[in-house]
Amino acid sequence: MKATAIPWKSPDIRTPLFLLLFAVAMFVTSVGCGLVWEFTLPGNVYLNTDDGDGGGYLNPGGWVGSHGTFPVVTLKQLTQDTPMSHPDELKEGWTISRLLVVWWCMFGSSVAMSVWLAFLPWTDLPSAAWRMFRKCAMDAGRPSV
């Protein structure tokens, strides 16, 4: 029996498929990082009083800043529902640089995961997983002795 070529391993489709998979994976991982960012950092680590959402994951560096005559203040406990006439707040021990490090780590992991997922079709992992799935399915259909 002749082995059939796997369509996604064809040189003609390799680059467009890689770019498509990378873009989809990057979108999904960015949404995931954005959700993690929004549920963990604003209100716990920083509080932006002049903007409802503060920019979040998709606006690096725009989390806190001085506006008007108000500099950023560092507090032990952030105060919720602060009016716009008050300065932006950072929790004690945090700086804008540390927030940028967290953002770069999340962004870097997003890129690395996307590259890995985009290269996945050209590895033996999908073929090995498929063979294992088929073997388990075949074994499940056999009567036990």
C-alpha atoms as a PDB file:
ATOM      1  CA  MET A   1       0.000   0.000   0.000  1.00  0.00           C
ATOM      2  CA  LYS A   2       1.420   3.379  -1.044  1.00  0.00           C
ATOM      3  CA  ALA A   3       1.707   6.048   1.616  1.00  0.00           C
ATOM      4  CA  THR A   4      -0.295   9.159   0.825  1.00  0.00           C
ATOM      5  CA  ALA A   5       1.279  12.576   1.210  1.00  0.00           C
ATOM      6  CA  ILE A   6       0.005  14.668   4.071  1.00  0.00           C
ATOM      7  CA  PRO A   7      -1.462  17.806   2.432  1.00  0.00           C
ATOM      8  CA  TRP A   8      -0.169  20.305   5.010  1.00  0.00           C
ATOM      9  CA  LYS A   9       3.391  19.050   4.563  1.00  0.00           C
ATOM     10  CA  SER A  10       3.384  20.176   0.913  1.00  0.00           C
ATOM     11  CA  PRO A  11       5.964  22.958   0.210  1.00  0.00           C
ATOM     12  CA  ASP A  12       3.308  24.980  -1.673  1.00  0.00           C
ATOM     13  CA  ILE A  13       1.069  25.364   1.354  1.00  0.00           C
ATOM     14  CA  ARG A  14       3.670  25.432   4.117  1.00  0.00           C
ATOM     15  CA  THR A  15       4.221  29.226   4.412  1.00  0.00           C
ATOM     16  CA  PRO A  16       0.592  30.349   4.045  1.00  0.00           C
ATOM     17  CA  LEU A  17      -0.551  27.684   6.505  1.00  0.00           C
ATOM     18  CA  PHE A  18       2.175  28.638   8.981  1.00  0.00           C
ATOM     19  CA  LEU A  19       1.177  32.315   8.782  1.00  0.00           C
ATOM     20  CA  LEU A  20      -2.508  31.490   9.168  1.00  0.00           C
ATOM     21  CA  LEU A  21      -1.900  29.228  12.155  1.00  0.00           C
ATOM     22  CA  PHE A  22       0.429  31.796  13.735  1.00  0.00           C
ATOM     23  CA  ALA A  23      -2.125  34.607  13.294  1.00  0.00           C
ATOM     24  CA  VAL A  24      -4.975  32.534  14.745  1.00  0.00           C
ATOM     25  CA  ALA A  25      -2.833  31.319  17.658  1.00  0.00           C
ATOM     26  CA  MET A  26      -1.572  34.849  18.327  1.00  0.00           C
ATOM     27  CA  PHE A  27      -5.140  36.169  18.384  1.00  0.00           C
ATOM     28  CA  VAL A  28      -6.305  33.441  20.771  1.00  0.00           C
ATOM     29  CA  THR A  29      -3.309  33.774  23.105  1.00  0.00           C
ATOM     30  CA  SER A  30      -3.636  37.580  23.085  1.00  0.00           C
ATOM     31  CA  VAL A  31      -7.284  37.319  24.087  1.00  0.00           C
ATOM     32  CA  GLY A  32      -6.255  34.899  26.849  1.00  0.00           C
ATOM     33  CA  CYS A  33      -3.477  37.198  28.074  1.00  0.00           C
ATOM     34  CA  GLY A  34      -5.850  40.158  27.930  1.00  0.00           C
ATOM     35  CA  LEU A  35      -8.379  38.327  30.094  1.00  0.00           C
ATOM     36  CA  VAL A  36      -5.724  37.273  32.591  1.00  0.00           C
ATOM     37  CA  TRP A  37      -4.426  40.858  32.692  1.00  0.00           C
ATOM     38  CA  GLU A  38      -7.875  42.394  33.200  1.00  0.00           C
ATOM     39  CA  PHE A  39      -8.866  39.999  35.974  1.00  0.00           C
ATOM     40  CA  THR A  40      -5.607  40.127  37.939  1.00  0.00           C
ATOM     41  CA  LEU A  41      -3.825  43.481  37.659  1.00  0.00           C
ATOM     42  CA  PRO A  42      -6.204  46.489  37.429  1.00  0.00           C
ATOM     43  CA  GLY A  43      -7.589  47.238  40.860  1.00  0.00           C
ATOM     44  CA  ASN A  44      -5.095  44.896  42.524  1.00  0.00           C
ATOM     45  CA  VAL A  45      -1.746  46.294  41.349  1.00  0.00           C
ATOM     46  CA  TYR A  46      -2.664  49.600  39.715  1.00  0.00           C
ATOM     47  CA  LEU A  47      -5.658  51.892  39.456  1.00  0.00           C
ATOM     48  CA  ASN A  48      -6.096  54.270  36.541  1.00  0.00           C
ATOM     49  CA  THR A  49      -8.499  57.045  37.517  1.00  0.00           C
ATOM     50  CA  ASP A  50      -8.689  58.973  34.241  1.00  0.00           C
ATOM     51  CA  ASP A  51      -9.784  56.053  32.086  1.00  0.00           C
ATOM     52  CA  GLY A  52     -12.418  53.410  32.718  1.00  0.00           C
ATOM     53  CA  ASP A  53     -10.376  50.499  31.374  1.00  0.00           C
ATOM     54  CA  GLY A  54      -6.858  51.937  31.661  1.00  0.00           C
ATOM     55  CA  GLY A  55      -5.764  50.436  28.377  1.00  0.00           C
ATOM     56  CA  GLY A  56      -5.145  46.972  29.735  1.00  0.00           C
ATOM     57  CA  TYR A  57      -3.039  44.365  27.980  1.00  0.00           C
ATOM     58  CA  LEU A  58      -3.546  45.842  24.508  1.00  0.00           C
ATOM     59  CA  ASN A  59      -2.158  49.258  25.487  1.00  0.00           C
ATOM     60  CA  PRO A  60       1.244  48.648  27.109  1.00  0.00           C
ATOM     61  CA  GLY A  61       2.547  51.492  29.173  1.00  0.00           C
ATOM     62  CA  GLY A  62      -0.774  53.346  29.348  1.00  0.00           C
ATOM     63  CA  TRP A  63      -1.798  51.825  32.638  1.00  0.00           C
ATOM     64  CA  VAL A  64      -0.947  54.670  34.981  1.00  0.00           C
ATOM     65  CA  GLY A  65       0.498  58.087  34.515  1.00  0.00           C
ATOM     66  CA  SER A  66       0.483  61.580  35.847  1.00  0.00           C
ATOM     67  CA  HIS A  67      -2.282  63.766  34.523  1.00  0.00           C
ATOM     68  CA  GLY A  68      -2.658  67.465  35.125  1.00  0.00           C
ATOM     69  CA  THR A  69      -0.960  68.319  38.396  1.00  0.00           C
ATOM     70  CA  PHE A  70      -1.415  64.819  39.826  1.00  0.00           C
ATOM     71  CA  PRO A  71       1.599  62.487  39.926  1.00  0.00           C
ATOM     72  CA  VAL A  72       1.202  58.726  40.325  1.00  0.00           C
ATOM     73  CA  VAL A  73       0.954  57.767  43.993  1.00  0.00           C
ATOM     74  CA  THR A  74       2.106  54.543  45.641  1.00  0.00           C
ATOM     75  CA  LEU A  75      -0.182  53.122  48.318  1.00  0.00           C
ATOM     76  CA  LYS A  76      -0.297  50.027  50.530  1.00  0.00           C
ATOM     77  CA  GLN A  77      -3.969  49.496  49.629  1.00  0.00           C
ATOM     78  CA  LEU A  78      -5.581  50.799  46.430  1.00  0.00           C
ATOM     79  CA  THR A  79      -8.756  52.816  46.875  1.00  0.00           C
ATOM     80  CA  GLN A  80     -11.609  51.722  44.598  1.00  0.00           C
ATOM     81  CA  ASP A  81     -14.022  54.160  42.921  1.00  0.00           C
ATOM     82  CA  THR A  82     -11.526  57.010  42.953  1.00  0.00           C
ATOM     83  CA  PRO A  83     -12.781  60.088  41.041  1.00  0.00           C
ATOM     84  CA  MET A  84     -10.873  61.474  38.081  1.00  0.00           C
ATOM     85  CA  SER A  85      -9.754  64.425  40.196  1.00  0.00           C
ATOM     86  CA  HIS A  86      -7.432  62.075  42.113  1.00  0.00           C
ATOM     87  CA  PRO A  87      -4.053  60.712  40.920  1.00  0.00           C
ATOM     88  CA  ASP A  88      -3.489  57.248  39.447  1.00  0.00           C
ATOM     89  CA  GLU A  89      -2.388  54.661  42.005  1.00  0.00           C
ATOM     90  CA  LEU A  90       0.213  51.894  42.120  1.00  0.00           C
ATOM     91  CA  LYS A  91       0.378  49.310  44.865  1.00  0.00           C
ATOM     92  CA  GLU A  92       3.436  49.567  47.073  1.00  0.00           C
ATOM     93  CA  GLY A  93       6.333  47.535  45.629  1.00  0.00           C
ATOM     94  CA  TRP A  94       5.169  47.940  42.011  1.00  0.00           C
ATOM     95  CA  THR A  95       6.484  50.309  39.363  1.00  0.00           C
ATOM     96  CA  ILE A  96       5.589  50.976  35.747  1.00  0.00           C
ATOM     97  CA  SER A  97       8.791  49.123  34.835  1.00  0.00           C
ATOM     98  CA  ARG A  98       7.618  46.020  36.709  1.00  0.00           C
ATOM     99  CA  LEU A  99       4.257  46.196  34.946  1.00  0.00           C
ATOM    100  CA  LEU A 100       6.149  46.358  31.643  1.00  0.00           C
ATOM    101  CA  VAL A 101       8.169  43.263  32.631  1.00  0.00           C
ATOM    102  CA  VAL A 102       4.926  41.392  33.342  1.00  0.00           C
ATOM    103  CA  TRP A 103       3.532  42.582  30.002  1.00  0.00           C
ATOM    104  CA  TRP A 104       6.688  41.530  28.089  1.00  0.00           C
ATOM    105  CA  CYS A 105       6.569  38.094  29.745  1.00  0.00           C
ATOM    106  CA  MET A 106       2.930  37.653  28.727  1.00  0.00           C
ATOM    107  CA  PHE A 107       3.564  38.934  25.207  1.00  0.00           C
ATOM    108  CA  GLY A 108       6.704  36.788  24.809  1.00  0.00           C
ATOM    109  CA  SER A 109       4.894  33.675  25.973  1.00  0.00           C
ATOM    110  CA  SER A 110       2.084  34.504  23.547  1.00  0.00           C
ATOM    111  CA  VAL A 111       4.533  34.733  20.623  1.00  0.00           C
ATOM    112  CA  ALA A 112       6.409  31.577  21.677  1.00  0.00           C
ATOM    113  CA  MET A 113       3.187  29.578  22.054  1.00  0.00           C
ATOM    114  CA  SER A 114       1.943  30.846  18.677  1.00  0.00           C
ATOM    115  CA  VAL A 115       5.173  29.877  16.908  1.00  0.00           C
ATOM    116  CA  TRP A 116       5.088  26.432  18.539  1.00  0.00           C
ATOM    117  CA  LEU A 117       1.440  25.906  17.544  1.00  0.00           C
ATOM    118  CA  ALA A 118       2.140  27.110  13.992  1.00  0.00           C
ATOM    119  CA  PHE A 119       5.037  24.618  13.619  1.00  0.00           C
ATOM    120  CA  LEU A 120       3.047  21.760  15.178  1.00  0.00           C
ATOM    121  CA  PRO A 121       1.634  20.348  11.888  1.00  0.00           C
ATOM    122  CA  TRP A 122       5.179  19.726  10.602  1.00  0.00           C
ATOM    123  CA  THR A 123       6.247  17.727  13.635  1.00  0.00           C
ATOM    124  CA  ASP A 124       5.505  14.074  14.282  1.00  0.00           C
ATOM    125  CA  LEU A 125       3.340  14.937  17.278  1.00  0.00           C
ATOM    126  CA  PRO A 126       0.010  15.096  15.361  1.00  0.00           C
ATOM    127  CA  SER A 127       0.802  11.836  13.564  1.00  0.00           C
ATOM    128  CA  ALA A 128       1.802  10.119  16.807  1.00  0.00           C
ATOM    129  CA  ALA A 129      -1.312  11.396  18.575  1.00  0.00           C
ATOM    130  CA  TRP A 130      -3.497  10.177  15.705  1.00  0.00           C
ATOM    131  CA  ARG A 131      -1.853   6.742  15.746  1.00  0.00           C
ATOM    132  CA  MET A 132      -2.377   6.495  19.516  1.00  0.00           C
ATOM    133  CA  PHE A 133      -6.020   7.566  19.159  1.00  0.00           C
ATOM    134  CA  ARG A 134      -6.630   4.994  16.408  1.00  0.00           C
ATOM    135  CA  LYS A 135      -4.965   2.254  18.461  1.00  0.00           C
ATOM    136  CA  CYS A 136      -7.109   3.085  21.511  1.00  0.00           C
ATOM    137  CA  ALA A 137     -10.238   3.169  19.366  1.00  0.00           C
ATOM    138  CA  MET A 138      -9.376  -0.184  17.797  1.00  0.00           C
ATOM    139  CA  ASP A 139      -8.621  -1.722  21.185  1.00  0.00           C
ATOM    140  CA  ALA A 140     -11.930  -0.427  22.589  1.00  0.00           C
ATOM    141  CA  GLY A 141     -13.835  -2.229  19.841  1.00  0.00           C
ATOM    142  CA  ARG A 142     -12.247  -5.622  20.523  1.00  0.00           C
ATOM    143  CA  PRO A 143     -13.944  -8.001  22.928  1.00  0.00           C
ATOM    144  CA  SER A 144     -11.876  -8.784  25.992  1.00  0.00           C
ATOM    145  CA  VAL A 145     -10.632 -12.323  26.367  1.00  0.00           C
END
